N, C-alpha and C. Protein backbone atom coordinates (compact mmCIF):
# COMPACT_ATOMS: atom_id res chain seq x y z
N MET A 1 42.05 186.33 94.23
CA MET A 1 43.08 186.85 93.35
C MET A 1 42.42 187.80 92.37
N ASP A 2 42.92 189.02 92.28
CA ASP A 2 42.30 190.05 91.48
C ASP A 2 43.13 190.32 90.22
N GLU A 3 42.98 189.46 89.25
CA GLU A 3 43.69 189.64 87.98
C GLU A 3 42.89 188.98 86.89
N SER A 4 43.19 189.34 85.66
CA SER A 4 42.47 188.72 84.56
C SER A 4 42.92 187.27 84.38
N ALA A 5 42.04 186.50 83.80
CA ALA A 5 42.37 185.10 83.54
C ALA A 5 43.59 184.99 82.62
N ASN A 6 43.67 185.86 81.63
CA ASN A 6 44.82 185.82 80.73
C ASN A 6 46.12 186.14 81.46
N ALA A 7 46.08 187.07 82.39
CA ALA A 7 47.28 187.41 83.16
C ALA A 7 47.73 186.22 84.00
N MET A 8 46.76 185.50 84.59
CA MET A 8 47.09 184.33 85.38
C MET A 8 47.73 183.25 84.49
N LEU A 9 47.17 183.05 83.30
CA LEU A 9 47.72 182.07 82.38
C LEU A 9 49.13 182.48 81.95
N GLU A 10 49.33 183.75 81.67
CA GLU A 10 50.66 184.23 81.29
C GLU A 10 51.66 184.01 82.42
N ARG A 11 51.24 184.22 83.67
CA ARG A 11 52.12 183.96 84.81
C ARG A 11 52.47 182.48 84.90
N ALA A 12 51.51 181.62 84.64
CA ALA A 12 51.76 180.18 84.68
C ALA A 12 52.77 179.79 83.60
N ILE A 13 52.60 180.32 82.42
CA ILE A 13 53.53 180.03 81.32
C ILE A 13 54.93 180.55 81.68
N GLY A 14 54.99 181.77 82.17
CA GLY A 14 56.29 182.36 82.53
C GLY A 14 56.98 181.58 83.63
N LEU A 15 56.23 181.18 84.65
CA LEU A 15 56.83 180.42 85.75
C LEU A 15 57.30 179.06 85.27
N ALA A 16 56.48 178.39 84.46
CA ALA A 16 56.89 177.09 83.93
C ALA A 16 58.16 177.23 83.09
N ALA A 17 58.23 178.26 82.25
CA ALA A 17 59.43 178.47 81.43
C ALA A 17 60.65 178.74 82.32
N PHE A 18 60.47 179.54 83.35
CA PHE A 18 61.57 179.83 84.26
C PHE A 18 62.03 178.57 84.99
N LEU A 19 61.09 177.81 85.54
CA LEU A 19 61.44 176.63 86.32
C LEU A 19 62.02 175.50 85.47
N HIS A 20 61.57 175.38 84.23
CA HIS A 20 62.08 174.33 83.34
C HIS A 20 63.32 174.77 82.55
N ALA A 21 63.77 176.00 82.75
CA ALA A 21 64.92 176.52 82.00
C ALA A 21 66.12 175.58 82.14
N GLY A 22 66.73 175.25 81.02
CA GLY A 22 67.90 174.38 81.01
C GLY A 22 67.58 172.90 80.98
N GLN A 23 66.34 172.53 81.19
CA GLN A 23 65.96 171.12 81.14
C GLN A 23 65.70 170.71 79.70
N VAL A 24 66.07 169.49 79.37
CA VAL A 24 65.80 168.96 78.03
C VAL A 24 65.04 167.65 78.16
N ASP A 25 64.29 167.30 77.12
CA ASP A 25 63.54 166.05 77.12
C ASP A 25 64.43 164.91 76.64
N LYS A 26 63.85 163.73 76.47
CA LYS A 26 64.62 162.54 76.10
C LYS A 26 65.25 162.62 74.72
N ILE A 27 64.77 163.54 73.88
CA ILE A 27 65.38 163.67 72.55
C ILE A 27 66.25 164.92 72.44
N GLY A 28 66.43 165.62 73.57
CA GLY A 28 67.34 166.75 73.60
C GLY A 28 66.71 168.11 73.33
N GLU A 29 65.40 168.18 73.21
CA GLU A 29 64.74 169.47 72.97
C GLU A 29 64.43 170.15 74.30
N PRO A 30 64.27 171.47 74.29
CA PRO A 30 63.92 172.16 75.53
C PRO A 30 62.64 171.56 76.14
N TYR A 31 62.71 171.22 77.42
CA TYR A 31 61.59 170.53 78.06
C TYR A 31 60.32 171.37 78.06
N ILE A 32 60.44 172.68 78.16
CA ILE A 32 59.27 173.55 78.24
C ILE A 32 58.32 173.36 77.07
N LEU A 33 58.82 172.88 75.95
CA LEU A 33 57.96 172.67 74.79
C LEU A 33 56.86 171.65 75.10
N HIS A 34 57.16 170.66 75.93
CA HIS A 34 56.14 169.65 76.28
C HIS A 34 54.97 170.27 77.03
N PRO A 35 55.17 170.97 78.17
CA PRO A 35 54.01 171.54 78.84
C PRO A 35 53.27 172.57 77.98
N LEU A 36 53.98 173.25 77.12
CA LEU A 36 53.30 174.21 76.24
C LEU A 36 52.43 173.50 75.21
N ARG A 37 52.92 172.38 74.67
CA ARG A 37 52.08 171.60 73.74
C ARG A 37 50.85 171.05 74.45
N VAL A 38 51.05 170.58 75.68
CA VAL A 38 49.92 170.06 76.47
C VAL A 38 48.92 171.17 76.73
N MET A 39 49.40 172.35 77.11
CA MET A 39 48.52 173.48 77.37
C MET A 39 47.71 173.84 76.12
N LEU A 40 48.36 173.87 74.97
CA LEU A 40 47.65 174.21 73.73
C LEU A 40 46.61 173.14 73.38
N ALA A 41 46.94 171.88 73.62
CA ALA A 41 45.97 170.80 73.36
C ALA A 41 44.77 170.94 74.28
N VAL A 42 45.00 171.30 75.53
CA VAL A 42 43.91 171.52 76.48
C VAL A 42 43.04 172.68 76.02
N LYS A 43 43.67 173.75 75.56
CA LYS A 43 42.91 174.90 75.04
C LYS A 43 42.06 174.48 73.84
N GLU A 44 42.68 173.75 72.90
CA GLU A 44 41.96 173.32 71.70
C GLU A 44 40.80 172.39 72.02
N ALA A 45 40.92 171.65 73.13
CA ALA A 45 39.85 170.73 73.55
C ALA A 45 38.77 171.44 74.36
N GLY A 46 38.91 172.75 74.53
CA GLY A 46 37.90 173.51 75.25
C GLY A 46 38.14 173.63 76.74
N GLY A 47 39.36 173.33 77.18
CA GLY A 47 39.67 173.43 78.60
C GLY A 47 39.61 174.85 79.12
N SER A 48 39.30 174.99 80.38
CA SER A 48 39.21 176.30 81.03
C SER A 48 40.59 176.93 81.16
N ILE A 49 40.61 178.20 81.49
CA ILE A 49 41.88 178.90 81.74
C ILE A 49 42.63 178.21 82.89
N GLU A 50 41.91 177.78 83.91
CA GLU A 50 42.56 177.08 85.03
C GLU A 50 43.19 175.78 84.56
N GLN A 51 42.49 175.03 83.70
CA GLN A 51 43.06 173.80 83.16
C GLN A 51 44.28 174.10 82.28
N GLN A 52 44.21 175.16 81.51
CA GLN A 52 45.36 175.55 80.67
C GLN A 52 46.56 175.91 81.54
N ALA A 53 46.33 176.68 82.60
CA ALA A 53 47.42 177.05 83.51
C ALA A 53 48.01 175.80 84.17
N ALA A 54 47.14 174.90 84.62
CA ALA A 54 47.61 173.66 85.24
C ALA A 54 48.40 172.82 84.24
N ALA A 55 47.98 172.82 82.99
CA ALA A 55 48.71 172.08 81.96
C ALA A 55 50.11 172.66 81.78
N ALA A 56 50.22 173.98 81.77
CA ALA A 56 51.54 174.61 81.65
C ALA A 56 52.43 174.25 82.84
N LEU A 57 51.83 174.09 83.99
CA LEU A 57 52.57 173.84 85.23
C LEU A 57 52.62 172.36 85.63
N HIS A 58 52.06 171.47 84.82
CA HIS A 58 51.80 170.11 85.30
C HIS A 58 53.03 169.31 85.71
N ASP A 59 54.21 169.68 85.26
CA ASP A 59 55.41 168.93 85.63
C ASP A 59 56.34 169.66 86.59
N VAL A 60 55.98 170.86 87.04
CA VAL A 60 56.93 171.62 87.85
C VAL A 60 57.19 171.00 89.22
N ILE A 61 56.19 170.38 89.82
CA ILE A 61 56.44 169.78 91.14
C ILE A 61 57.35 168.57 91.00
N GLU A 62 57.12 167.74 89.98
CA GLU A 62 57.95 166.56 89.77
C GLU A 62 59.37 166.91 89.36
N ASP A 63 59.53 167.93 88.53
CA ASP A 63 60.81 168.17 87.86
C ASP A 63 61.59 169.39 88.32
N CYS A 64 61.03 170.21 89.19
CA CYS A 64 61.66 171.52 89.44
C CYS A 64 61.88 171.86 90.90
N ASP A 65 61.77 170.93 91.79
CA ASP A 65 62.07 171.18 93.20
C ASP A 65 61.22 172.29 93.80
N VAL A 66 59.94 172.31 93.46
CA VAL A 66 58.97 173.18 94.12
C VAL A 66 57.81 172.32 94.57
N GLY A 67 57.08 172.79 95.53
CA GLY A 67 55.94 172.04 96.04
C GLY A 67 54.64 172.74 95.74
N VAL A 68 53.56 172.07 96.07
CA VAL A 68 52.24 172.64 95.83
C VAL A 68 52.06 173.91 96.67
N GLU A 69 52.73 173.99 97.81
CA GLU A 69 52.65 175.19 98.64
C GLU A 69 53.20 176.40 97.90
N PHE A 70 54.27 176.20 97.16
CA PHE A 70 54.87 177.26 96.35
C PHE A 70 53.85 177.77 95.33
N LEU A 71 53.17 176.83 94.67
CA LEU A 71 52.16 177.22 93.68
C LEU A 71 50.96 177.88 94.34
N ALA A 72 50.59 177.41 95.54
CA ALA A 72 49.42 177.94 96.24
C ALA A 72 49.58 179.42 96.59
N GLN A 73 50.80 179.86 96.71
CA GLN A 73 51.06 181.28 96.99
C GLN A 73 50.92 182.14 95.74
N ARG A 74 50.82 181.49 94.56
CA ARG A 74 50.85 182.23 93.31
C ARG A 74 49.65 182.03 92.40
N PHE A 75 48.89 180.95 92.65
CA PHE A 75 47.81 180.60 91.74
C PHE A 75 46.54 180.22 92.51
N PRO A 76 45.39 180.32 91.84
CA PRO A 76 44.13 179.94 92.48
C PRO A 76 44.13 178.47 92.90
N GLU A 77 43.31 178.17 93.88
CA GLU A 77 43.21 176.81 94.42
C GLU A 77 42.88 175.79 93.32
N ALA A 78 42.02 176.17 92.38
CA ALA A 78 41.63 175.24 91.31
C ALA A 78 42.83 174.79 90.49
N VAL A 79 43.73 175.70 90.21
CA VAL A 79 44.95 175.38 89.44
C VAL A 79 45.84 174.45 90.27
N CYS A 80 46.02 174.79 91.52
CA CYS A 80 46.89 174.00 92.40
C CYS A 80 46.37 172.58 92.59
N LYS A 81 45.05 172.43 92.73
CA LYS A 81 44.47 171.09 92.88
C LYS A 81 44.72 170.24 91.63
N LEU A 82 44.62 170.86 90.48
CA LEU A 82 44.87 170.13 89.24
C LEU A 82 46.34 169.72 89.13
N VAL A 83 47.24 170.65 89.41
CA VAL A 83 48.67 170.32 89.33
C VAL A 83 49.02 169.23 90.33
N ASP A 84 48.47 169.33 91.53
CA ASP A 84 48.72 168.31 92.55
C ASP A 84 48.22 166.94 92.07
N ALA A 85 47.04 166.91 91.46
CA ALA A 85 46.48 165.65 90.95
C ALA A 85 47.35 165.07 89.84
N LEU A 86 48.00 165.93 89.07
CA LEU A 86 48.81 165.49 87.94
C LEU A 86 50.26 165.20 88.31
N THR A 87 50.57 165.30 89.60
CA THR A 87 51.93 165.06 90.08
C THR A 87 52.01 163.64 90.63
N ARG A 88 52.96 162.89 90.10
CA ARG A 88 53.12 161.49 90.54
C ARG A 88 54.24 161.39 91.57
N PRO A 89 53.88 161.00 92.78
CA PRO A 89 54.93 160.75 93.78
C PRO A 89 55.82 159.58 93.33
N GLU A 90 57.06 159.61 93.72
CA GLU A 90 58.02 158.58 93.29
C GLU A 90 57.57 157.17 93.66
N ASP A 91 56.86 157.03 94.78
CA ASP A 91 56.49 155.70 95.26
C ASP A 91 55.13 155.23 94.74
N GLU A 92 54.53 155.97 93.81
CA GLU A 92 53.21 155.59 93.30
C GLU A 92 53.35 154.86 91.96
N ASP A 93 52.71 153.72 91.86
CA ASP A 93 52.66 152.95 90.62
C ASP A 93 52.02 153.80 89.53
N TYR A 94 52.51 153.68 88.29
CA TYR A 94 52.03 154.53 87.20
C TYR A 94 50.53 154.36 86.96
N GLU A 95 50.06 153.13 86.93
CA GLU A 95 48.63 152.91 86.69
C GLU A 95 47.79 153.53 87.81
N ALA A 96 48.22 153.34 89.05
CA ALA A 96 47.50 153.93 90.18
C ALA A 96 47.50 155.46 90.08
N TYR A 97 48.63 156.00 89.66
CA TYR A 97 48.73 157.46 89.47
C TYR A 97 47.74 157.95 88.42
N VAL A 98 47.68 157.27 87.28
CA VAL A 98 46.76 157.70 86.22
C VAL A 98 45.33 157.61 86.72
N ARG A 99 44.99 156.52 87.39
CA ARG A 99 43.63 156.37 87.93
C ARG A 99 43.30 157.49 88.93
N ARG A 100 44.26 157.81 89.79
CA ARG A 100 44.04 158.88 90.77
C ARG A 100 43.88 160.22 90.07
N ALA A 101 44.75 160.49 89.11
CA ALA A 101 44.72 161.78 88.41
C ALA A 101 43.39 161.98 87.70
N ILE A 102 42.92 160.94 87.03
CA ILE A 102 41.69 161.12 86.25
C ILE A 102 40.44 161.12 87.11
N SER A 103 40.59 160.78 88.39
CA SER A 103 39.44 160.85 89.29
C SER A 103 39.18 162.27 89.78
N VAL A 104 40.12 163.16 89.55
CA VAL A 104 39.97 164.55 89.98
C VAL A 104 39.29 165.34 88.86
N PRO A 105 38.16 165.96 89.15
CA PRO A 105 37.46 166.71 88.11
C PRO A 105 38.37 167.72 87.41
N GLY A 106 38.36 167.65 86.07
CA GLY A 106 39.16 168.57 85.27
C GLY A 106 40.54 168.07 84.92
N ALA A 107 41.05 167.10 85.66
CA ALA A 107 42.42 166.63 85.44
C ALA A 107 42.52 165.66 84.27
N SER A 108 41.46 164.92 83.96
CA SER A 108 41.56 163.92 82.90
C SER A 108 41.83 164.56 81.54
N LEU A 109 41.27 165.73 81.28
CA LEU A 109 41.54 166.42 80.02
C LEU A 109 43.03 166.74 79.88
N ILE A 110 43.63 167.19 80.96
CA ILE A 110 45.06 167.52 80.95
C ILE A 110 45.89 166.25 80.82
N LYS A 111 45.53 165.23 81.58
CA LYS A 111 46.29 163.97 81.53
C LYS A 111 46.22 163.36 80.15
N ARG A 112 45.06 163.42 79.53
CA ARG A 112 44.92 162.89 78.16
C ARG A 112 45.85 163.64 77.20
N ALA A 113 45.88 164.95 77.30
CA ALA A 113 46.76 165.74 76.43
C ALA A 113 48.23 165.43 76.72
N ASP A 114 48.56 165.23 77.98
CA ASP A 114 49.93 164.90 78.39
C ASP A 114 50.35 163.56 77.79
N VAL A 115 49.52 162.55 77.98
CA VAL A 115 49.86 161.22 77.48
C VAL A 115 49.93 161.21 75.95
N ARG A 116 48.99 161.86 75.31
CA ARG A 116 49.01 161.91 73.85
C ARG A 116 50.26 162.60 73.33
N ASP A 117 50.67 163.67 73.99
CA ASP A 117 51.89 164.35 73.55
C ASP A 117 53.11 163.44 73.73
N ASN A 118 53.20 162.80 74.89
CA ASN A 118 54.32 161.88 75.12
C ASN A 118 54.30 160.72 74.13
N TYR A 119 53.13 160.14 73.93
CA TYR A 119 52.99 159.00 73.02
C TYR A 119 53.36 159.39 71.59
N GLY A 120 52.97 160.57 71.19
CA GLY A 120 53.24 161.03 69.84
C GLY A 120 54.70 161.30 69.55
N ARG A 121 55.52 161.33 70.58
CA ARG A 121 56.95 161.61 70.39
C ARG A 121 57.84 160.40 70.62
N VAL A 122 57.24 159.27 70.95
CA VAL A 122 58.01 158.06 71.23
C VAL A 122 58.90 157.66 70.05
N ASP A 123 58.37 157.77 68.85
CA ASP A 123 59.15 157.34 67.68
C ASP A 123 60.38 158.19 67.43
N LEU A 124 60.50 159.33 68.09
CA LEU A 124 61.68 160.18 67.93
C LEU A 124 62.86 159.69 68.77
N LEU A 125 62.60 158.75 69.67
CA LEU A 125 63.66 158.20 70.52
C LEU A 125 64.53 157.24 69.73
N PRO A 126 65.83 157.20 70.02
CA PRO A 126 66.72 156.34 69.25
C PRO A 126 66.68 154.86 69.66
N ASP A 127 66.34 154.56 70.89
CA ASP A 127 66.43 153.20 71.42
C ASP A 127 65.12 152.44 71.26
N GLU A 128 65.16 151.31 70.55
CA GLU A 128 63.94 150.53 70.28
C GLU A 128 63.32 149.95 71.55
N ALA A 129 64.15 149.50 72.49
CA ALA A 129 63.61 148.94 73.72
C ALA A 129 62.85 150.00 74.51
N THR A 130 63.39 151.19 74.57
CA THR A 130 62.72 152.29 75.26
C THR A 130 61.44 152.67 74.55
N LYS A 131 61.48 152.70 73.23
CA LYS A 131 60.27 153.00 72.45
C LYS A 131 59.16 152.01 72.79
N GLN A 132 59.49 150.74 72.79
CA GLN A 132 58.49 149.70 73.06
C GLN A 132 57.93 149.83 74.48
N GLN A 133 58.80 150.05 75.44
CA GLN A 133 58.37 150.19 76.83
C GLN A 133 57.44 151.40 76.99
N LEU A 134 57.81 152.52 76.40
CA LEU A 134 56.99 153.71 76.52
C LEU A 134 55.68 153.59 75.74
N ARG A 135 55.70 152.93 74.59
CA ARG A 135 54.45 152.70 73.85
C ARG A 135 53.45 151.94 74.72
N GLN A 136 53.92 150.88 75.36
CA GLN A 136 53.04 150.09 76.22
C GLN A 136 52.51 150.92 77.39
N LYS A 137 53.38 151.70 78.00
CA LYS A 137 52.99 152.56 79.12
C LYS A 137 51.90 153.54 78.69
N TYR A 138 52.12 154.21 77.58
CA TYR A 138 51.16 155.24 77.15
C TYR A 138 49.89 154.63 76.57
N GLU A 139 49.99 153.49 75.92
CA GLU A 139 48.78 152.82 75.43
C GLU A 139 47.90 152.39 76.60
N SER A 140 48.52 151.91 77.66
CA SER A 140 47.79 151.52 78.87
C SER A 140 47.10 152.75 79.48
N ALA A 141 47.82 153.85 79.55
CA ALA A 141 47.23 155.08 80.10
C ALA A 141 46.08 155.58 79.24
N LEU A 142 46.25 155.53 77.91
CA LEU A 142 45.18 155.97 77.03
C LEU A 142 43.94 155.08 77.17
N SER A 143 44.16 153.80 77.41
CA SER A 143 43.04 152.88 77.64
C SER A 143 42.30 153.26 78.92
N LEU A 144 43.04 153.56 79.98
CA LEU A 144 42.41 153.99 81.24
C LEU A 144 41.63 155.28 81.03
N LEU A 145 42.19 156.19 80.26
CA LEU A 145 41.52 157.47 80.00
C LEU A 145 40.24 157.26 79.18
N ARG A 146 40.28 156.34 78.21
CA ARG A 146 39.07 156.04 77.43
C ARG A 146 38.00 155.43 78.32
N ASP A 147 38.42 154.52 79.19
CA ASP A 147 37.48 153.86 80.09
C ASP A 147 36.81 154.86 81.03
N ALA A 148 37.53 155.94 81.36
CA ALA A 148 37.01 156.94 82.31
C ALA A 148 36.04 157.92 81.65
N GLU A 149 35.98 157.92 80.33
CA GLU A 149 35.11 158.88 79.63
C GLU A 149 33.65 158.58 79.85
């Protein structure tokens, strides 16, 4: 691929914004804000341009009816491998998914940023039972991520 790293990152951001258009998160905000926060956290943590692009795209396969093949036609293999690692198939247990994702080089930084962003927004949810369930889920994931360091 013959383009600047910044151009590739801009394409990832643009595609993620396009694919997530109209989607909202559990508190009613535009969903695209989540992958953008994750991308910025990855950048702040020293992540590569490929990791930043993967962070921007990390939910498109799960949430947007596109596959890794679609991304492979548009992005370098390194980005696609990271997005694929960060995609949880419906039949995969969450803990097994986190363990698999963090076993892929470069993916743990993105997964950590993803979980931290999700965990940091739990208190914005109105339902206490959901808050408690998600706190436990994300605390477990953060523990797995710490263990993997």
